[in-house]
Amino acid sequence: MTWKLIVAAGAALAAACTPEPAAPSNDQNASATADPAAPANPIERRYDQTMSGQPLALPPAGFQLAVTQAQYPPRYRIPCHKHPYPRYVYIQQGNLRVHNYVTNRDYDFGPGDTAVESIDQWHEGVVTSAGPLILVALEQVPRGDENRTLCPAVPPSGE
């Protein structure tokens, strides 16, 4: 029975396939056949370092990709913390200012920006937009590990 099922499935797939792709149309009046859901002008940005200039590196083998979507109200302060592993944040809406205590610099991000967070450097964020901040964070972490350590009461500088 299993063998007959495999043969029938193969025959159905073969019948649905055409031996050659259709020839492209040269009709100037034909409407475009591009995927309407595809972006007209995709933007690609590549990063090889964090916002503070650290080179990017992968965590140990066997890592997981953690994806988080978060929303914060205006003027919300994201507590001081650091990440031992890479973390990439895409800003969908609103504005975020990140203060890095090691570099003593502020970094500003808005809609469409990607924040490549510093690794093992204390930093905090504040929502600077009048509306909410909506972001998507992607983190590469060893299986079962966390990627955030909260700051002590007074953020250390220069660590």
N, C-alpha and C. Protein backbone atom coordinates (compact mmCIF):
# COMPACT_ATOMS: atom_id res chain seq x y z
N MET A 1 0.83 -1.19 0.00
CA MET A 1 0.00 0.00 0.00
C MET A 1 0.87 1.24 0.00
N THR A 2 1.92 1.30 0.80
CA THR A 2 2.80 2.45 0.87
C THR A 2 3.47 2.69 -0.47
N TRP A 3 3.91 1.63 -1.14
CA TRP A 3 4.57 1.75 -2.44
C TRP A 3 3.63 2.37 -3.45
N LYS A 4 2.35 1.94 -3.48
CA LYS A 4 1.37 2.49 -4.41
C LYS A 4 1.13 3.97 -4.14
N LEU A 5 1.14 4.35 -2.87
CA LEU A 5 0.94 5.75 -2.50
C LEU A 5 2.10 6.61 -3.00
N ILE A 6 3.33 6.13 -2.88
CA ILE A 6 4.50 6.86 -3.34
C ILE A 6 4.45 7.02 -4.86
N VAL A 7 4.11 5.98 -5.59
CA VAL A 7 4.01 6.05 -7.06
C VAL A 7 2.92 7.02 -7.47
N ALA A 8 1.76 7.00 -6.80
CA ALA A 8 0.66 7.91 -7.13
C ALA A 8 1.06 9.36 -6.86
N ALA A 9 1.74 9.61 -5.74
CA ALA A 9 2.17 10.97 -5.42
C ALA A 9 3.19 11.45 -6.44
N GLY A 10 4.12 10.59 -6.85
CA GLY A 10 5.11 10.95 -7.86
C GLY A 10 4.46 11.27 -9.19
N ALA A 11 3.47 10.47 -9.59
CA ALA A 11 2.76 10.72 -10.84
C ALA A 11 2.00 12.04 -10.79
N ALA A 12 1.39 12.35 -9.65
CA ALA A 12 0.66 13.61 -9.52
C ALA A 12 1.61 14.80 -9.61
N LEU A 13 2.77 14.69 -8.98
CA LEU A 13 3.75 15.77 -9.07
C LEU A 13 4.25 15.93 -10.49
N ALA A 14 4.54 14.82 -11.15
CA ALA A 14 5.03 14.90 -12.53
C ALA A 14 3.99 15.51 -13.45
N ALA A 15 2.72 15.20 -13.25
CA ALA A 15 1.65 15.74 -14.10
C ALA A 15 1.50 17.24 -13.88
N ALA A 16 1.78 17.71 -12.67
CA ALA A 16 1.63 19.13 -12.37
C ALA A 16 2.80 19.95 -12.87
N CYS A 17 3.93 19.31 -13.19
CA CYS A 17 5.12 20.03 -13.64
C CYS A 17 5.11 20.17 -15.15
N THR A 18 5.61 21.29 -15.63
CA THR A 18 5.78 21.46 -17.07
C THR A 18 7.25 21.25 -17.39
N PRO A 19 7.56 20.71 -18.55
CA PRO A 19 8.95 20.42 -18.88
C PRO A 19 9.79 21.69 -19.05
N GLU A 20 9.21 22.81 -19.48
CA GLU A 20 9.96 24.03 -19.70
C GLU A 20 9.21 25.20 -19.08
N PRO A 21 9.93 26.20 -18.60
CA PRO A 21 9.24 27.38 -18.11
C PRO A 21 8.62 28.14 -19.27
N ALA A 22 7.56 28.88 -18.99
CA ALA A 22 6.90 29.67 -20.03
C ALA A 22 7.86 30.74 -20.54
N ALA A 23 7.76 31.02 -21.81
CA ALA A 23 8.61 32.06 -22.41
C ALA A 23 8.18 33.41 -21.88
N PRO A 24 9.14 34.32 -21.66
CA PRO A 24 8.77 35.64 -21.17
C PRO A 24 7.97 36.39 -22.22
N SER A 25 7.04 37.20 -21.74
CA SER A 25 6.20 37.98 -22.63
C SER A 25 6.93 39.24 -23.06
N ASN A 26 6.83 39.55 -24.35
CA ASN A 26 7.42 40.78 -24.87
C ASN A 26 6.35 41.83 -25.11
N ASP A 27 5.14 41.57 -24.66
CA ASP A 27 4.03 42.49 -24.88
C ASP A 27 4.21 43.73 -24.01
N GLN A 28 4.42 44.88 -24.65
CA GLN A 28 4.64 46.14 -23.93
C GLN A 28 3.40 46.55 -23.14
N ASN A 29 2.22 46.07 -23.53
CA ASN A 29 0.99 46.46 -22.87
C ASN A 29 0.61 45.51 -21.73
N ALA A 30 1.35 44.45 -21.58
CA ALA A 30 1.03 43.49 -20.52
C ALA A 30 1.35 44.10 -19.16
N SER A 31 0.51 43.79 -18.20
CA SER A 31 0.75 44.34 -16.85
C SER A 31 1.90 43.58 -16.20
N ALA A 32 2.58 44.22 -15.26
CA ALA A 32 3.71 43.60 -14.57
C ALA A 32 3.22 42.40 -13.78
N THR A 33 4.04 41.37 -13.75
CA THR A 33 3.67 40.16 -13.04
C THR A 33 4.48 39.99 -11.76
N ALA A 34 5.12 41.06 -11.31
CA ALA A 34 5.91 40.99 -10.07
C ALA A 34 4.99 40.72 -8.88
N ASP A 35 5.54 40.11 -7.88
CA ASP A 35 4.80 39.83 -6.66
C ASP A 35 4.39 41.14 -6.01
N PRO A 36 3.07 41.40 -5.88
CA PRO A 36 2.65 42.69 -5.32
C PRO A 36 3.02 42.85 -3.84
N ALA A 37 3.33 41.76 -3.16
CA ALA A 37 3.70 41.85 -1.75
C ALA A 37 5.19 42.17 -1.57
N ALA A 38 5.96 42.04 -2.64
CA ALA A 38 7.40 42.30 -2.54
C ALA A 38 7.65 43.80 -2.48
N PRO A 39 8.62 44.22 -1.68
CA PRO A 39 8.92 45.65 -1.61
C PRO A 39 9.48 46.15 -2.93
N ALA A 40 9.09 47.36 -3.30
CA ALA A 40 9.54 47.93 -4.57
C ALA A 40 11.04 48.19 -4.55
N ASN A 41 11.54 48.71 -3.47
CA ASN A 41 12.96 49.03 -3.36
C ASN A 41 13.50 48.50 -2.04
N PRO A 42 13.85 47.22 -1.99
CA PRO A 42 14.35 46.69 -0.73
C PRO A 42 15.64 47.39 -0.31
N ILE A 43 15.77 47.60 0.98
CA ILE A 43 16.96 48.24 1.54
C ILE A 43 17.72 47.20 2.33
N GLU A 44 18.98 47.04 2.00
CA GLU A 44 19.82 46.09 2.73
C GLU A 44 20.91 46.86 3.45
N ARG A 45 21.06 46.57 4.71
CA ARG A 45 22.15 47.16 5.50
C ARG A 45 22.93 46.00 6.10
N ARG A 46 24.22 46.13 6.09
CA ARG A 46 25.08 45.09 6.67
C ARG A 46 25.89 45.69 7.80
N TYR A 47 26.07 44.89 8.85
CA TYR A 47 26.78 45.35 10.03
C TYR A 47 27.88 44.36 10.36
N ASP A 48 29.05 44.87 10.72
CA ASP A 48 30.13 43.99 11.15
C ASP A 48 30.68 44.40 12.51
N GLN A 49 29.97 45.37 13.14
CA GLN A 49 30.36 45.78 14.48
C GLN A 49 29.15 46.30 15.25
N THR A 50 29.30 46.38 16.57
CA THR A 50 28.24 46.89 17.41
C THR A 50 28.21 48.41 17.32
N MET A 51 27.21 49.02 17.97
CA MET A 51 27.11 50.49 17.94
C MET A 51 28.34 51.15 18.56
N SER A 52 29.04 50.47 19.45
CA SER A 52 30.23 51.05 20.07
C SER A 52 31.53 50.62 19.37
N GLY A 53 31.41 49.96 18.22
CA GLY A 53 32.58 49.62 17.42
C GLY A 53 33.20 48.26 17.67
N GLN A 54 32.55 47.40 18.46
CA GLN A 54 33.09 46.07 18.72
C GLN A 54 32.85 45.17 17.51
N PRO A 55 33.79 44.32 17.13
CA PRO A 55 33.54 43.39 16.02
C PRO A 55 32.48 42.36 16.42
N LEU A 56 31.66 41.96 15.47
CA LEU A 56 30.64 40.94 15.74
C LEU A 56 31.26 39.56 15.73
N ALA A 57 30.78 38.71 16.61
CA ALA A 57 31.23 37.32 16.69
C ALA A 57 30.05 36.47 17.10
N LEU A 58 30.06 35.22 16.66
CA LEU A 58 28.99 34.30 17.02
C LEU A 58 29.20 33.74 18.42
N PRO A 59 28.10 33.41 19.11
CA PRO A 59 28.26 32.72 20.40
C PRO A 59 28.75 31.30 20.14
N PRO A 60 29.04 30.55 21.22
CA PRO A 60 29.49 29.17 21.04
C PRO A 60 28.51 28.35 20.20
N ALA A 61 29.00 27.28 19.60
CA ALA A 61 28.17 26.42 18.75
C ALA A 61 26.96 25.92 19.53
N GLY A 62 25.88 25.68 18.82
CA GLY A 62 24.67 25.19 19.45
C GLY A 62 23.80 26.32 19.98
N PHE A 63 23.91 27.50 19.37
CA PHE A 63 23.12 28.62 19.87
C PHE A 63 21.69 28.59 19.34
N GLN A 64 20.83 29.35 20.01
CA GLN A 64 19.44 29.52 19.60
C GLN A 64 19.25 30.97 19.16
N LEU A 65 18.25 31.19 18.31
CA LEU A 65 17.86 32.53 17.93
C LEU A 65 16.60 32.86 18.71
N ALA A 66 16.67 33.88 19.56
CA ALA A 66 15.51 34.33 20.34
C ALA A 66 14.99 35.60 19.69
N VAL A 67 13.70 35.63 19.38
CA VAL A 67 13.07 36.79 18.74
C VAL A 67 12.00 37.32 19.68
N THR A 68 12.07 38.62 19.98
CA THR A 68 11.13 39.24 20.90
C THR A 68 10.58 40.51 20.28
N GLN A 69 9.27 40.69 20.33
CA GLN A 69 8.67 41.96 19.94
C GLN A 69 8.21 42.63 21.23
N ALA A 70 8.55 43.92 21.38
CA ALA A 70 8.20 44.63 22.60
C ALA A 70 7.66 46.01 22.26
N GLN A 71 6.82 46.51 23.15
CA GLN A 71 6.28 47.86 23.01
C GLN A 71 6.46 48.58 24.33
N TYR A 72 6.98 49.81 24.27
CA TYR A 72 7.23 50.63 25.45
C TYR A 72 6.52 51.97 25.29
N PRO A 73 5.96 52.52 26.37
CA PRO A 73 5.28 53.82 26.29
C PRO A 73 6.29 54.96 26.19
N PRO A 74 5.82 56.16 25.80
CA PRO A 74 6.70 57.32 25.75
C PRO A 74 7.40 57.56 27.08
N ARG A 75 8.64 57.99 27.01
CA ARG A 75 9.48 58.32 28.17
C ARG A 75 9.84 57.11 29.04
N TYR A 76 9.52 55.91 28.60
CA TYR A 76 9.88 54.72 29.37
C TYR A 76 11.40 54.57 29.40
N ARG A 77 11.94 54.22 30.55
CA ARG A 77 13.38 53.99 30.68
C ARG A 77 13.64 52.49 30.77
N ILE A 78 14.41 51.98 29.82
CA ILE A 78 14.82 50.58 29.85
C ILE A 78 16.01 50.50 30.81
N PRO A 79 15.89 49.73 31.88
CA PRO A 79 16.93 49.73 32.92
C PRO A 79 18.31 49.36 32.38
N CYS A 80 19.32 49.85 33.07
CA CYS A 80 20.71 49.57 32.71
C CYS A 80 20.95 48.05 32.72
N HIS A 81 21.64 47.59 31.68
CA HIS A 81 21.92 46.16 31.54
C HIS A 81 23.07 45.97 30.55
N LYS A 82 23.48 44.73 30.37
CA LYS A 82 24.45 44.39 29.32
C LYS A 82 24.12 43.01 28.78
N HIS A 83 24.67 42.72 27.60
CA HIS A 83 24.41 41.45 26.90
C HIS A 83 25.74 40.73 26.68
N PRO A 84 25.84 39.46 27.08
CA PRO A 84 27.07 38.72 26.80
C PRO A 84 27.14 38.20 25.36
N TYR A 85 26.01 38.22 24.66
CA TYR A 85 25.95 37.68 23.30
C TYR A 85 25.30 38.71 22.36
N PRO A 86 25.44 38.52 21.06
CA PRO A 86 24.90 39.49 20.11
C PRO A 86 23.40 39.71 20.26
N ARG A 87 22.99 40.97 20.08
CA ARG A 87 21.57 41.35 20.12
C ARG A 87 21.36 42.44 19.09
N TYR A 88 20.39 42.22 18.22
CA TYR A 88 20.08 43.15 17.14
C TYR A 88 18.64 43.62 17.33
N VAL A 89 18.43 44.93 17.31
CA VAL A 89 17.11 45.49 17.56
C VAL A 89 16.67 46.30 16.35
N TYR A 90 15.53 45.94 15.78
CA TYR A 90 14.95 46.69 14.66
C TYR A 90 13.83 47.56 15.21
N ILE A 91 13.91 48.86 14.96
CA ILE A 91 12.92 49.81 15.45
C ILE A 91 11.79 49.90 14.42
N GLN A 92 10.61 49.44 14.80
CA GLN A 92 9.46 49.52 13.90
C GLN A 92 8.76 50.87 14.00
N GLN A 93 8.68 51.39 15.21
CA GLN A 93 7.96 52.65 15.44
C GLN A 93 8.56 53.33 16.66
N GLY A 94 8.59 54.66 16.63
CA GLY A 94 9.07 55.42 17.77
C GLY A 94 10.56 55.69 17.70
N ASN A 95 11.07 56.30 18.77
CA ASN A 95 12.48 56.66 18.85
C ASN A 95 13.08 56.17 20.15
N LEU A 96 14.32 55.72 20.07
CA LEU A 96 15.04 55.18 21.22
C LEU A 96 16.41 55.84 21.31
N ARG A 97 16.77 56.25 22.52
CA ARG A 97 18.13 56.75 22.79
C ARG A 97 18.78 55.74 23.72
N VAL A 98 19.94 55.26 23.34
CA VAL A 98 20.70 54.32 24.15
C VAL A 98 21.93 55.04 24.69
N HIS A 99 22.11 54.98 26.01
CA HIS A 99 23.31 55.54 26.62
C HIS A 99 24.22 54.40 27.01
N ASN A 100 25.47 54.44 26.52
CA ASN A 100 26.47 53.43 26.83
C ASN A 100 27.38 54.01 27.92
N TYR A 101 27.42 53.36 29.08
CA TYR A 101 28.22 53.85 30.20
C TYR A 101 29.71 53.64 30.00
N VAL A 102 30.09 52.70 29.16
CA VAL A 102 31.51 52.44 28.92
C VAL A 102 32.10 53.50 28.00
N THR A 103 31.39 53.82 26.91
CA THR A 103 31.87 54.83 25.97
C THR A 103 31.41 56.23 26.36
N ASN A 104 30.45 56.31 27.27
CA ASN A 104 29.82 57.57 27.68
C ASN A 104 29.24 58.31 26.48
N ARG A 105 28.64 57.55 25.59
CA ARG A 105 28.02 58.11 24.38
C ARG A 105 26.55 57.74 24.33
N ASP A 106 25.78 58.61 23.65
CA ASP A 106 24.37 58.34 23.37
C ASP A 106 24.23 57.97 21.90
N TYR A 107 23.34 57.03 21.62
CA TYR A 107 23.07 56.58 20.26
C TYR A 107 21.57 56.70 20.05
N ASP A 108 21.15 57.36 18.98
CA ASP A 108 19.73 57.58 18.70
C ASP A 108 19.28 56.72 17.53
N PHE A 109 18.09 56.11 17.68
CA PHE A 109 17.53 55.23 16.67
C PHE A 109 16.07 55.59 16.44
N GLY A 110 15.63 55.50 15.19
CA GLY A 110 14.25 55.78 14.84
C GLY A 110 13.68 54.69 13.97
N PRO A 111 12.46 54.87 13.47
CA PRO A 111 11.80 53.85 12.65
C PRO A 111 12.67 53.42 11.47
N GLY A 112 12.82 52.11 11.33
CA GLY A 112 13.61 51.55 10.24
C GLY A 112 15.07 51.35 10.58
N ASP A 113 15.52 51.87 11.72
CA ASP A 113 16.92 51.70 12.13
C ASP A 113 17.13 50.35 12.81
N THR A 114 18.37 49.88 12.74
CA THR A 114 18.77 48.67 13.44
C THR A 114 19.84 49.05 14.45
N ALA A 115 19.62 48.70 15.70
CA ALA A 115 20.60 48.92 16.76
C ALA A 115 21.33 47.61 16.99
N VAL A 116 22.62 47.59 16.70
CA VAL A 116 23.45 46.42 16.99
C VAL A 116 24.05 46.69 18.36
N GLU A 117 23.45 46.09 19.39
CA GLU A 117 23.80 46.43 20.75
C GLU A 117 25.22 46.02 21.11
N SER A 118 25.79 46.79 22.00
CA SER A 118 27.14 46.52 22.49
C SER A 118 27.15 45.22 23.29
N ILE A 119 28.27 44.53 23.23
CA ILE A 119 28.42 43.25 23.94
C ILE A 119 29.23 43.50 25.20
N ASP A 120 28.67 43.05 26.33
CA ASP A 120 29.31 43.17 27.64
C ASP A 120 29.66 44.60 28.02
N GLN A 121 28.85 45.55 27.59
CA GLN A 121 29.02 46.94 27.99
C GLN A 121 27.70 47.43 28.59
N TRP A 122 27.77 48.07 29.77
CA TRP A 122 26.56 48.56 30.43
C TRP A 122 25.93 49.66 29.61
N HIS A 123 24.62 49.56 29.41
CA HIS A 123 23.88 50.58 28.67
C HIS A 123 22.42 50.56 29.11
N GLU A 124 21.73 51.66 28.83
CA GLU A 124 20.30 51.76 29.13
C GLU A 124 19.65 52.53 27.99
N GLY A 125 18.33 52.44 27.93
CA GLY A 125 17.61 53.13 26.86
C GLY A 125 16.48 53.97 27.42
N VAL A 126 16.06 54.93 26.61
CA VAL A 126 14.89 55.72 26.97
C VAL A 126 14.12 56.01 25.68
N VAL A 127 12.80 55.88 25.77
CA VAL A 127 11.94 56.18 24.63
C VAL A 127 11.84 57.69 24.52
N THR A 128 12.26 58.25 23.40
CA THR A 128 12.29 59.70 23.23
C THR A 128 11.17 60.21 22.32
N SER A 129 10.34 59.31 21.81
CA SER A 129 9.25 59.73 20.93
C SER A 129 7.99 60.04 21.73
N ALA A 130 7.10 60.83 21.12
CA ALA A 130 5.82 61.18 21.77
C ALA A 130 4.89 59.97 21.83
N GLY A 131 5.07 59.04 20.91
CA GLY A 131 4.26 57.83 20.88
C GLY A 131 5.07 56.64 21.36
N PRO A 132 4.47 55.45 21.33
CA PRO A 132 5.16 54.26 21.83
C PRO A 132 6.33 53.84 20.94
N LEU A 133 7.23 53.11 21.53
CA LEU A 133 8.35 52.48 20.83
C LEU A 133 7.96 51.03 20.60
N ILE A 134 8.03 50.60 19.35
CA ILE A 134 7.79 49.19 19.03
C ILE A 134 9.05 48.67 18.36
N LEU A 135 9.58 47.58 18.89
CA LEU A 135 10.82 47.04 18.36
C LEU A 135 10.75 45.52 18.28
N VAL A 136 11.64 44.97 17.47
CA VAL A 136 11.83 43.53 17.39
C VAL A 136 13.30 43.27 17.67
N ALA A 137 13.57 42.43 18.66
CA ALA A 137 14.94 42.09 19.04
C ALA A 137 15.25 40.66 18.64
N LEU A 138 16.42 40.47 18.04
CA LEU A 138 16.90 39.14 17.68
C LEU A 138 18.20 38.91 18.44
N GLU A 139 18.28 37.77 19.12
CA GLU A 139 19.44 37.47 19.95
C GLU A 139 19.95 36.08 19.65
N GLN A 140 21.25 35.94 19.56
CA GLN A 140 21.88 34.65 19.39
C GLN A 140 22.47 34.25 20.73
N VAL A 141 21.92 33.20 21.33
CA VAL A 141 22.34 32.78 22.67
C VAL A 141 22.57 31.26 22.71
N PRO A 142 23.52 30.82 23.53
CA PRO A 142 23.66 29.37 23.72
C PRO A 142 22.35 28.80 24.26
N ARG A 143 22.05 27.59 23.89
CA ARG A 143 20.79 26.95 24.29
C ARG A 143 20.53 27.11 25.79
N GLY A 144 19.34 27.65 26.10
CA GLY A 144 18.91 27.79 27.48
C GLY A 144 19.54 28.94 28.24
N ASP A 145 20.43 29.70 27.61
CA ASP A 145 21.11 30.79 28.29
C ASP A 145 20.31 32.09 28.18
N GLU A 146 20.57 33.01 29.08
CA GLU A 146 19.96 34.34 29.04
C GLU A 146 20.96 35.30 28.39
N ASN A 147 20.44 36.42 27.91
CA ASN A 147 21.31 37.39 27.24
C ASN A 147 21.19 38.77 27.86
N ARG A 148 20.86 38.84 29.14
CA ARG A 148 20.77 40.14 29.78
C ARG A 148 21.17 40.02 31.24
N THR A 149 22.05 40.91 31.65
CA THR A 149 22.44 41.03 33.05
C THR A 149 22.10 42.44 33.47
N LEU A 150 21.28 42.57 34.52
CA LEU A 150 20.91 43.89 35.01
C LEU A 150 22.08 44.53 35.74
N CYS A 151 22.14 45.84 35.62
CA CYS A 151 23.19 46.66 36.25
C CYS A 151 23.07 46.64 37.76
N PRO A 152 24.19 46.83 38.45
CA PRO A 152 24.10 47.10 39.88
C PRO A 152 23.41 48.45 40.09
N ALA A 153 23.15 48.81 41.32
CA ALA A 153 22.40 50.04 41.63
C ALA A 153 23.02 51.27 40.95
N VAL A 154 24.31 51.40 40.98
CA VAL A 154 24.99 52.51 40.31
C VAL A 154 25.74 51.92 39.13
N PRO A 155 25.40 52.35 37.90
CA PRO A 155 26.08 51.76 36.73
C PRO A 155 27.58 52.01 36.76
N PRO A 156 28.37 50.95 36.60
CA PRO A 156 29.80 51.12 36.54
C PRO A 156 30.21 51.79 35.23
N SER A 157 31.26 52.55 35.23
CA SER A 157 31.72 53.15 33.98
C SER A 157 33.06 52.54 33.61
N GLY A 158 33.33 52.50 32.34
CA GLY A 158 34.62 52.01 31.87
C GLY A 158 34.82 50.51 31.93
N GLU A 159 33.76 49.72 32.19
CA GLU A 159 33.91 48.26 32.22
C GLU A 159 33.52 47.65 30.91
